[in-house]
Amino acid sequence: RYVYQSEGRVTVAGLQPERFSASVRRGSRSDESIAVFDWNEQRARIGRLPQQSSVGLPAGSQDVVSFMYQFALFPPQPGRVTLP
């Protein structure tokens, strides 16, 4: 069973995720990963709990759930799209 949750804000540029979590349950075992977006510091904490890494946060970054809604709100131009 997979559960994904994305929280954030809607801005003039579109969606700006603030927290994303993914939970995977296999039998009695469960794994959870999170991403916390710090837009002021331009960093994100990502990874499985309790181990996490801090990575750079490029402008316009999306999580795997919010990017689908971002495309619906702001359809990309024809051609190849690169999304951080």
PDB file of N, CA and C in Angstrom:
ATOM      1  N   ARG A   1       0.850  -1.172   0.000  1.00  0.00           N
ATOM      2  CA  ARG A   1       0.000   0.000   0.000  1.00  0.00           C
ATOM      3  C   ARG A   1       0.898   1.238   0.000  1.00  0.00           C
ATOM      4  N   TYR A   2       0.595   2.184  -0.868  1.00  0.00           N
ATOM      5  CA  TYR A   2       1.348   3.419  -1.002  1.00  0.00           C
ATOM      6  C   TYR A   2       0.473   4.602  -0.608  1.00  0.00           C
ATOM      7  N   VAL A   3       1.017   5.512   0.194  1.00  0.00           N
ATOM      8  CA  VAL A   3       0.305   6.728   0.569  1.00  0.00           C
ATOM      9  C   VAL A   3       1.249   7.897   0.346  1.00  0.00           C
ATOM     10  N   TYR A   4       0.808   8.865  -0.474  1.00  0.00           N
ATOM     11  CA  TYR A   4       1.588  10.060  -0.752  1.00  0.00           C
ATOM     12  C   TYR A   4       0.807  11.264  -0.277  1.00  0.00           C
ATOM     13  N   GLN A   5       1.506  12.230   0.332  1.00  0.00           N
ATOM     14  CA  GLN A   5       0.846  13.446   0.791  1.00  0.00           C
ATOM     15  C   GLN A   5       1.757  14.628   0.505  1.00  0.00           C
ATOM     16  N   SER A   6       1.180  15.674  -0.069  1.00  0.00           N
ATOM     17  CA  SER A   6       1.918  16.892  -0.382  1.00  0.00           C
ATOM     18  C   SER A   6       1.192  18.072   0.236  1.00  0.00           C
ATOM     19  N   GLU A   7       1.950  18.937   0.900  1.00  0.00           N
ATOM     20  CA  GLU A   7       1.391  20.152   1.494  1.00  0.00           C
ATOM     21  C   GLU A   7       2.206  21.335   1.009  1.00  0.00           C
ATOM     22  N   GLY A   8       1.550  22.469   0.802  1.00  0.00           N
ATOM     23  CA  GLY A   8       2.273  23.653   0.359  1.00  0.00           C
ATOM     24  C   GLY A   8       1.334  24.804   0.117  1.00  0.00           C
ATOM     25  N   ARG A   9       1.802  25.736  -0.728  1.00  0.00           N
ATOM     26  CA  ARG A   9       1.046  26.949  -1.011  1.00  0.00           C
ATOM     27  C   ARG A   9       0.851  27.106  -2.512  1.00  0.00           C
ATOM     28  N   VAL A  10      -0.158  27.890  -2.857  1.00  0.00           N
ATOM     29  CA  VAL A  10      -0.358  28.306  -4.234  1.00  0.00           C
ATOM     30  C   VAL A  10       0.161  29.735  -4.327  1.00  0.00           C
ATOM     31  N   THR A  11       1.093  29.970  -5.249  1.00  0.00           N
ATOM     32  CA  THR A  11       1.673  31.303  -5.455  1.00  0.00           C
ATOM     33  C   THR A  11       1.349  31.768  -6.870  1.00  0.00           C
ATOM     34  N   VAL A  12       1.770  32.979  -7.224  1.00  0.00           N
ATOM     35  CA  VAL A  12       1.541  33.478  -8.579  1.00  0.00           C
ATOM     36  C   VAL A  12       2.299  32.642  -9.603  1.00  0.00           C
ATOM     37  N   ALA A  13       3.369  31.971  -9.184  1.00  0.00           N
ATOM     38  CA  ALA A  13       4.147  31.112 -10.082  1.00  0.00           C
ATOM     39  C   ALA A  13       3.639  29.677 -10.083  1.00  0.00           C
ATOM     40  N   GLY A  14       2.627  29.383  -9.288  1.00  0.00           N
ATOM     41  CA  GLY A  14       2.088  28.033  -9.212  1.00  0.00           C
ATOM     42  C   GLY A  14       2.257  27.433  -7.833  1.00  0.00           C
ATOM     43  N   LEU A  15       2.345  26.114  -7.791  1.00  0.00           N
ATOM     44  CA  LEU A  15       2.449  25.424  -6.505  1.00  0.00           C
ATOM     45  C   LEU A  15       3.858  25.519  -5.937  1.00  0.00           C
ATOM     46  N   GLN A  16       3.918  25.657  -4.626  1.00  0.00           N
ATOM     47  CA  GLN A  16       5.200  25.683  -3.920  1.00  0.00           C
ATOM     48  C   GLN A  16       5.099  24.696  -2.754  1.00  0.00           C
ATOM     49  N   PRO A  17       5.601  23.478  -2.959  1.00  0.00           N
ATOM     50  CA  PRO A  17       5.486  22.475  -1.900  1.00  0.00           C
ATOM     51  C   PRO A  17       6.300  22.864  -0.671  1.00  0.00           C
ATOM     52  N   GLU A  18       5.788  22.508   0.498  1.00  0.00           N
ATOM     53  CA  GLU A  18       6.492  22.750   1.757  1.00  0.00           C
ATOM     54  C   GLU A  18       6.859  21.443   2.449  1.00  0.00           C
ATOM     55  N   ARG A  19       6.031  20.408   2.243  1.00  0.00           N
ATOM     56  CA  ARG A  19       6.303  19.108   2.863  1.00  0.00           C
ATOM     57  C   ARG A  19       5.683  18.017   2.011  1.00  0.00           C
ATOM     58  N   PHE A  20       6.438  16.950   1.814  1.00  0.00           N
ATOM     59  CA  PHE A  20       5.966  15.798   1.066  1.00  0.00           C
ATOM     60  C   PHE A  20       6.319  14.553   1.861  1.00  0.00           C
ATOM     61  N   SER A  21       5.386  13.602   1.916  1.00  0.00           N
ATOM     62  CA  SER A  21       5.684  12.333   2.578  1.00  0.00           C
ATOM     63  C   SER A  21       5.200  11.181   1.708  1.00  0.00           C
ATOM     64  N   ALA A  22       5.955  10.089   1.780  1.00  0.00           N
ATOM     65  CA  ALA A  22       5.606   8.859   1.065  1.00  0.00           C
ATOM     66  C   ALA A  22       5.727   7.721   2.059  1.00  0.00           C
ATOM     67  N   SER A  23       4.665   6.948   2.179  1.00  0.00           N
ATOM     68  CA  SER A  23       4.646   5.811   3.086  1.00  0.00           C
ATOM     69  C   SER A  23       4.328   4.560   2.283  1.00  0.00           C
ATOM     70  N   VAL A  24       5.152   3.532   2.470  1.00  0.00           N
ATOM     71  CA  VAL A  24       4.966   2.268   1.769  1.00  0.00           C
ATOM     72  C   VAL A  24       4.835   1.176   2.816  1.00  0.00           C
ATOM     73  N   ARG A  25       3.737   0.426   2.736  1.00  0.00           N
ATOM     74  CA  ARG A  25       3.513  -0.667   3.675  1.00  0.00           C
ATOM     75  C   ARG A  25       3.562  -1.981   2.910  1.00  0.00           C
ATOM     76  N   ARG A  26       4.414  -2.871   3.381  1.00  0.00           N
ATOM     77  CA  ARG A  26       4.529  -4.210   2.795  1.00  0.00           C
ATOM     78  C   ARG A  26       4.354  -5.210   3.928  1.00  0.00           C
ATOM     79  N   GLY A  27       3.185  -5.809   3.987  1.00  0.00           N
ATOM     80  CA  GLY A  27       2.887  -6.717   5.090  1.00  0.00           C
ATOM     81  C   GLY A  27       2.859  -5.948   6.392  1.00  0.00           C
ATOM     82  N   SER A  28       3.663  -6.371   7.348  1.00  0.00           N
ATOM     83  CA  SER A  28       3.710  -5.681   8.638  1.00  0.00           C
ATOM     84  C   SER A  28       4.804  -4.619   8.674  1.00  0.00           C
ATOM     85  N   ARG A  29       5.579  -4.502   7.600  1.00  0.00           N
ATOM     86  CA  ARG A  29       6.685  -3.536   7.554  1.00  0.00           C
ATOM     87  C   ARG A  29       6.255  -2.256   6.838  1.00  0.00           C
ATOM     88  N   SER A  30       6.702  -1.114   7.358  1.00  0.00           N
ATOM     89  CA  SER A  30       6.357   0.171   6.768  1.00  0.00           C
ATOM     90  C   SER A  30       7.603   1.033   6.662  1.00  0.00           C
ATOM     91  N   ASP A  31       7.776   1.698   5.508  1.00  0.00           N
ATOM     92  CA  ASP A  31       8.865   2.653   5.292  1.00  0.00           C
ATOM     93  C   ASP A  31       8.256   4.014   5.021  1.00  0.00           C
ATOM     94  N   GLU A  32       8.849   5.055   5.616  1.00  0.00           N
ATOM     95  CA  GLU A  32       8.366   6.411   5.370  1.00  0.00           C
ATOM     96  C   GLU A  32       9.529   7.294   4.978  1.00  0.00           C
ATOM     97  N   SER A  33       9.315   8.074   3.934  1.00  0.00           N
ATOM     98  CA  SER A  33      10.279   9.070   3.475  1.00  0.00           C
ATOM     99  C   SER A  33       9.587  10.423   3.473  1.00  0.00           C
ATOM    100  N   ILE A  34      10.361  11.471   3.749  1.00  0.00           N
ATOM    101  CA  ILE A  34       9.788  12.818   3.700  1.00  0.00           C
ATOM    102  C   ILE A  34      10.746  13.771   3.003  1.00  0.00           C
ATOM    103  N   ALA A  35      10.177  14.859   2.543  1.00  0.00           N
ATOM    104  CA  ALA A  35      10.939  15.984   2.020  1.00  0.00           C
ATOM    105  C   ALA A  35      10.350  17.236   2.649  1.00  0.00           C
ATOM    106  N   VAL A  36      11.210  18.055   3.234  1.00  0.00           N
ATOM    107  CA  VAL A  36      10.793  19.328   3.821  1.00  0.00           C
ATOM    108  C   VAL A  36      11.502  20.426   3.034  1.00  0.00           C
ATOM    109  N   PHE A  37      10.723  21.281   2.391  1.00  0.00           N
ATOM    110  CA  PHE A  37      11.244  22.325   1.515  1.00  0.00           C
ATOM    111  C   PHE A  37      11.415  23.627   2.308  1.00  0.00           C
ATOM    112  N   ASP A  38      12.648  24.131   2.399  1.00  0.00           N
ATOM    113  CA  ASP A  38      12.926  25.413   3.056  1.00  0.00           C
ATOM    114  C   ASP A  38      13.268  26.426   1.966  1.00  0.00           C
ATOM    115  N   TRP A  39      12.268  27.156   1.520  1.00  0.00           N
ATOM    116  CA  TRP A  39      12.446  28.081   0.409  1.00  0.00           C
ATOM    117  C   TRP A  39      13.296  29.281   0.784  1.00  0.00           C
ATOM    118  N   ASN A  40      13.292  29.689   2.053  1.00  0.00           N
ATOM    119  CA  ASN A  40      14.127  30.819   2.472  1.00  0.00           C
ATOM    120  C   ASN A  40      15.609  30.479   2.383  1.00  0.00           C
ATOM    121  N   GLU A  41      15.962  29.268   2.776  1.00  0.00           N
ATOM    122  CA  GLU A  41      17.359  28.817   2.752  1.00  0.00           C
ATOM    123  C   GLU A  41      17.725  28.129   1.437  1.00  0.00           C
ATOM    124  N   GLN A  42      16.735  27.886   0.586  1.00  0.00           N
ATOM    125  CA  GLN A  42      16.908  27.170  -0.686  1.00  0.00           C
ATOM    126  C   GLN A  42      17.551  25.797  -0.466  1.00  0.00           C
ATOM    127  N   ARG A  43      17.044  25.088   0.536  1.00  0.00           N
ATOM    128  CA  ARG A  43      17.503  23.742   0.878  1.00  0.00           C
ATOM    129  C   ARG A  43      16.283  22.860   1.115  1.00  0.00           C
ATOM    130  N   ALA A  44      16.490  21.568   0.939  1.00  0.00           N
ATOM    131  CA  ALA A  44      15.447  20.593   1.247  1.00  0.00           C
ATOM    132  C   ALA A  44      16.071  19.455   2.034  1.00  0.00           C
ATOM    133  N   ARG A  45      15.356  18.993   3.052  1.00  0.00           N
ATOM    134  CA  ARG A  45      15.760  17.780   3.771  1.00  0.00           C
ATOM    135  C   ARG A  45      14.969  16.645   3.153  1.00  0.00           C
ATOM    136  N   ILE A  46      15.672  15.614   2.695  1.00  0.00           N
ATOM    137  CA  ILE A  46      15.000  14.517   2.009  1.00  0.00           C
ATOM    138  C   ILE A  46      15.510  13.175   2.512  1.00  0.00           C
ATOM    139  N   GLY A  47      14.690  12.155   2.362  1.00  0.00           N
ATOM    140  CA  GLY A  47      15.124  10.792   2.639  1.00  0.00           C
ATOM    141  C   GLY A  47      14.226  10.051   3.600  1.00  0.00           C
ATOM    142  N   ARG A  48      14.617   8.821   3.842  1.00  0.00           N
ATOM    143  CA  ARG A  48      13.882   7.974   4.787  1.00  0.00           C
ATOM    144  C   ARG A  48      14.156   8.425   6.203  1.00  0.00           C
ATOM    145  N   LEU A  49      13.154   8.270   7.020  1.00  0.00           N
ATOM    146  CA  LEU A  49      13.325   8.563   8.446  1.00  0.00           C
ATOM    147  C   LEU A  49      14.032   7.385   9.097  1.00  0.00           C
ATOM    148  N   PRO A  50      14.965   7.554   9.966  1.00  0.00           N
ATOM    149  CA  PRO A  50      15.452   8.807  10.541  1.00  0.00           C
ATOM    150  C   PRO A  50      16.632   9.412   9.775  1.00  0.00           C
ATOM    151  N   GLN A  51      17.186   8.731   8.762  1.00  0.00           N
ATOM    152  CA  GLN A  51      18.316   9.294   8.023  1.00  0.00           C
ATOM    153  C   GLN A  51      17.803  10.234   6.946  1.00  0.00           C
ATOM    154  N   GLN A  52      18.351  11.436   6.919  1.00  0.00           N
ATOM    155  CA  GLN A  52      17.971  12.399   5.899  1.00  0.00           C
ATOM    156  C   GLN A  52      19.203  13.163   5.443  1.00  0.00           C
ATOM    157  N   SER A  53      19.114  13.699   4.232  1.00  0.00           N
ATOM    158  CA  SER A  53      20.174  14.510   3.658  1.00  0.00           C
ATOM    159  C   SER A  53      19.627  15.897   3.386  1.00  0.00           C
ATOM    160  N   SER A  54      20.521  16.869   3.345  1.00  0.00           N
ATOM    161  CA  SER A  54      20.147  18.221   2.965  1.00  0.00           C
ATOM    162  C   SER A  54      20.696  18.468   1.562  1.00  0.00           C
ATOM    163  N   VAL A  55      19.828  18.941   0.667  1.00  0.00           N
ATOM    164  CA  VAL A  55      20.215  19.179  -0.721  1.00  0.00           C
ATOM    165  C   VAL A  55      19.759  20.567  -1.145  1.00  0.00           C
ATOM    166  N   GLY A  56      20.379  21.085  -2.200  1.00  0.00           N
ATOM    167  CA  GLY A  56      19.982  22.372  -2.745  1.00  0.00           C
ATOM    168  C   GLY A  56      18.565  22.306  -3.298  1.00  0.00           C
ATOM    169  N   LEU A  57      17.884  23.435  -3.278  1.00  0.00           N
ATOM    170  CA  LEU A  57      16.486  23.512  -3.702  1.00  0.00           C
ATOM    171  C   LEU A  57      16.369  24.548  -4.827  1.00  0.00           C
ATOM    172  N   PRO A  58      16.459  24.106  -6.090  1.00  0.00           N
ATOM    173  CA  PRO A  58      16.322  25.045  -7.206  1.00  0.00           C
ATOM    174  C   PRO A  58      14.924  25.662  -7.249  1.00  0.00           C
ATOM    175  N   ALA A  59      14.837  26.876  -7.743  1.00  0.00           N
ATOM    176  CA  ALA A  59      13.535  27.535  -7.906  1.00  0.00           C
ATOM    177  C   ALA A  59      12.637  26.669  -8.777  1.00  0.00           C
ATOM    178  N   GLY A  60      11.369  26.600  -8.418  1.00  0.00           N
ATOM    179  CA  GLY A  60      10.405  25.840  -9.195  1.00  0.00           C
ATOM    180  C   GLY A  60      10.372  24.354  -8.904  1.00  0.00           C
ATOM    181  N   SER A  61      11.123  23.900  -7.905  1.00  0.00           N
ATOM    182  CA  SER A  61      11.143  22.473  -7.575  1.00  0.00           C
ATOM    183  C   SER A  61       9.757  21.999  -7.157  1.00  0.00           C
ATOM    184  N   GLN A  62       9.454  20.753  -7.502  1.00  0.00           N
ATOM    185  CA  GLN A  62       8.177  20.148  -7.167  1.00  0.00           C
ATOM    186  C   GLN A  62       8.421  18.758  -6.591  1.00  0.00           C
ATOM    187  N   ASP A  63       7.461  18.257  -5.839  1.00  0.00           N
ATOM    188  CA  ASP A  63       7.498  16.855  -5.424  1.00  0.00           C
ATOM    189  C   ASP A  63       6.701  16.041  -6.436  1.00  0.00           C
ATOM    190  N   VAL A  64       6.687  14.727  -6.273  1.00  0.00           N
ATOM    191  CA  VAL A  64       6.076  13.864  -7.284  1.00  0.00           C
ATOM    192  C   VAL A  64       4.560  13.990  -7.375  1.00  0.00           C
ATOM    193  N   VAL A  65       3.911  14.539  -6.362  1.00  0.00           N
ATOM    194  CA  VAL A  65       2.465  14.756  -6.422  1.00  0.00           C
ATOM    195  C   VAL A  65       2.155  16.144  -6.969  1.00  0.00           C
ATOM    196  N   SER A  66       2.834  17.171  -6.446  1.00  0.00           N
ATOM    197  CA  SER A  66       2.494  18.540  -6.843  1.00  0.00           C
ATOM    198  C   SER A  66       2.822  18.830  -8.301  1.00  0.00           C
ATOM    199  N   PHE A  67       3.791  18.122  -8.901  1.00  0.00           N
ATOM    200  CA  PHE A  67       4.122  18.434 -10.290  1.00  0.00           C
ATOM    201  C   PHE A  67       2.959  18.148 -11.236  1.00  0.00           C
ATOM    202  N   MET A  68       2.137  17.155 -10.929  1.00  0.00           N
ATOM    203  CA  MET A  68       0.978  16.869 -11.794  1.00  0.00           C
ATOM    204  C   MET A  68      -0.019  18.023 -11.766  1.00  0.00           C
ATOM    205  N   TYR A  69      -0.239  18.579 -10.595  1.00  0.00           N
ATOM    206  CA  TYR A  69      -1.151  19.715 -10.471  1.00  0.00           C
ATOM    207  C   TYR A  69      -0.526  20.976 -11.048  1.00  0.00           C
ATOM    208  N   GLN A  70       0.776  21.123 -10.909  1.00  0.00           N
ATOM    209  CA  GLN A  70       1.479  22.270 -11.493  1.00  0.00           C
ATOM    210  C   GLN A  70       1.271  22.286 -13.015  1.00  0.00           C
ATOM    211  N   PHE A  71       1.378  21.126 -13.653  1.00  0.00           N
ATOM    212  CA  PHE A  71       1.160  21.049 -15.092  1.00  0.00           C
ATOM    213  C   PHE A  71      -0.281  21.397 -15.455  1.00  0.00           C
ATOM    214  N   ALA A  72      -1.225  21.016 -14.609  1.00  0.00           N
ATOM    215  CA  ALA A  72      -2.624  21.340 -14.882  1.00  0.00           C
ATOM    216  C   ALA A  72      -2.879  22.841 -14.762  1.00  0.00           C
ATOM    217  N   LEU A  73      -2.240  23.483 -13.781  1.00  0.00           N
ATOM    218  CA  LEU A  73      -2.419  24.923 -13.580  1.00  0.00           C
ATOM    219  C   LEU A  73      -1.666  25.749 -14.616  1.00  0.00           C
ATOM    220  N   PHE A  74      -0.456  25.293 -14.962  1.00  0.00           N
ATOM    221  CA  PHE A  74       0.410  26.007 -15.893  1.00  0.00           C
ATOM    222  C   PHE A  74       0.934  25.025 -16.943  1.00  0.00           C
ATOM    223  N   PRO A  75       0.130  24.733 -17.975  1.00  0.00           N
ATOM    224  CA  PRO A  75       0.572  23.766 -18.980  1.00  0.00           C
ATOM    225  C   PRO A  75       1.892  24.210 -19.613  1.00  0.00           C
ATOM    226  N   PRO A  76       2.835  23.281 -19.764  1.00  0.00           N
ATOM    227  CA  PRO A  76       4.125  23.642 -20.363  1.00  0.00           C
ATOM    228  C   PRO A  76       3.994  23.866 -21.864  1.00  0.00           C
ATOM    229  N   GLN A  77       4.972  24.563 -22.422  1.00  0.00           N
ATOM    230  CA  GLN A  77       5.045  24.750 -23.861  1.00  0.00           C
ATOM    231  C   GLN A  77       5.356  23.406 -24.515  1.00  0.00           C
ATOM    232  N   PRO A  78       4.980  23.206 -25.764  1.00  0.00           N
ATOM    233  CA  PRO A  78       5.320  21.962 -26.453  1.00  0.00           C
ATOM    234  C   PRO A  78       6.831  21.734 -26.456  1.00  0.00           C
ATOM    235  N   GLY A  79       7.221  20.482 -26.338  1.00  0.00           N
ATOM    236  CA  GLY A  79       8.640  20.127 -26.344  1.00  0.00           C
ATOM    237  C   GLY A  79       9.047  19.520 -25.029  1.00  0.00           C
ATOM    238  N   ARG A  80      10.339  19.384 -24.855  1.00  0.00           N
ATOM    239  CA  ARG A  80      10.886  18.758 -23.656  1.00  0.00           C
ATOM    240  C   ARG A  80      10.802  19.706 -22.457  1.00  0.00           C
ATOM    241  N   VAL A  81      10.443  19.160 -21.309  1.00  0.00           N
ATOM    242  CA  VAL A  81      10.314  19.935 -20.078  1.00  0.00           C
ATOM    243  C   VAL A  81      11.279  19.376 -19.044  1.00  0.00           C
ATOM    244  N   THR A  82      12.016  20.262 -18.398  1.00  0.00           N
ATOM    245  CA  THR A  82      12.877  19.868 -17.285  1.00  0.00           C
ATOM    246  C   THR A  82      12.320  20.518 -16.027  1.00  0.00           C
ATOM    247  N   LEU A  83      12.061  19.687 -15.020  1.00  0.00           N
ATOM    248  CA  LEU A  83      11.464  20.195 -13.788  1.00  0.00           C
ATOM    249  C   LEU A  83      12.279  19.694 -12.616  1.00  0.00           C
ATOM    250  N   PRO A  84      12.844  20.613 -11.796  1.00  0.00           N
ATOM    251  CA  PRO A  84      13.624  20.149 -10.632  1.00  0.00           C
ATOM    252  C   PRO A  84      12.739  19.529  -9.564  1.00  0.00           C
TER     253      PRO A  84
END
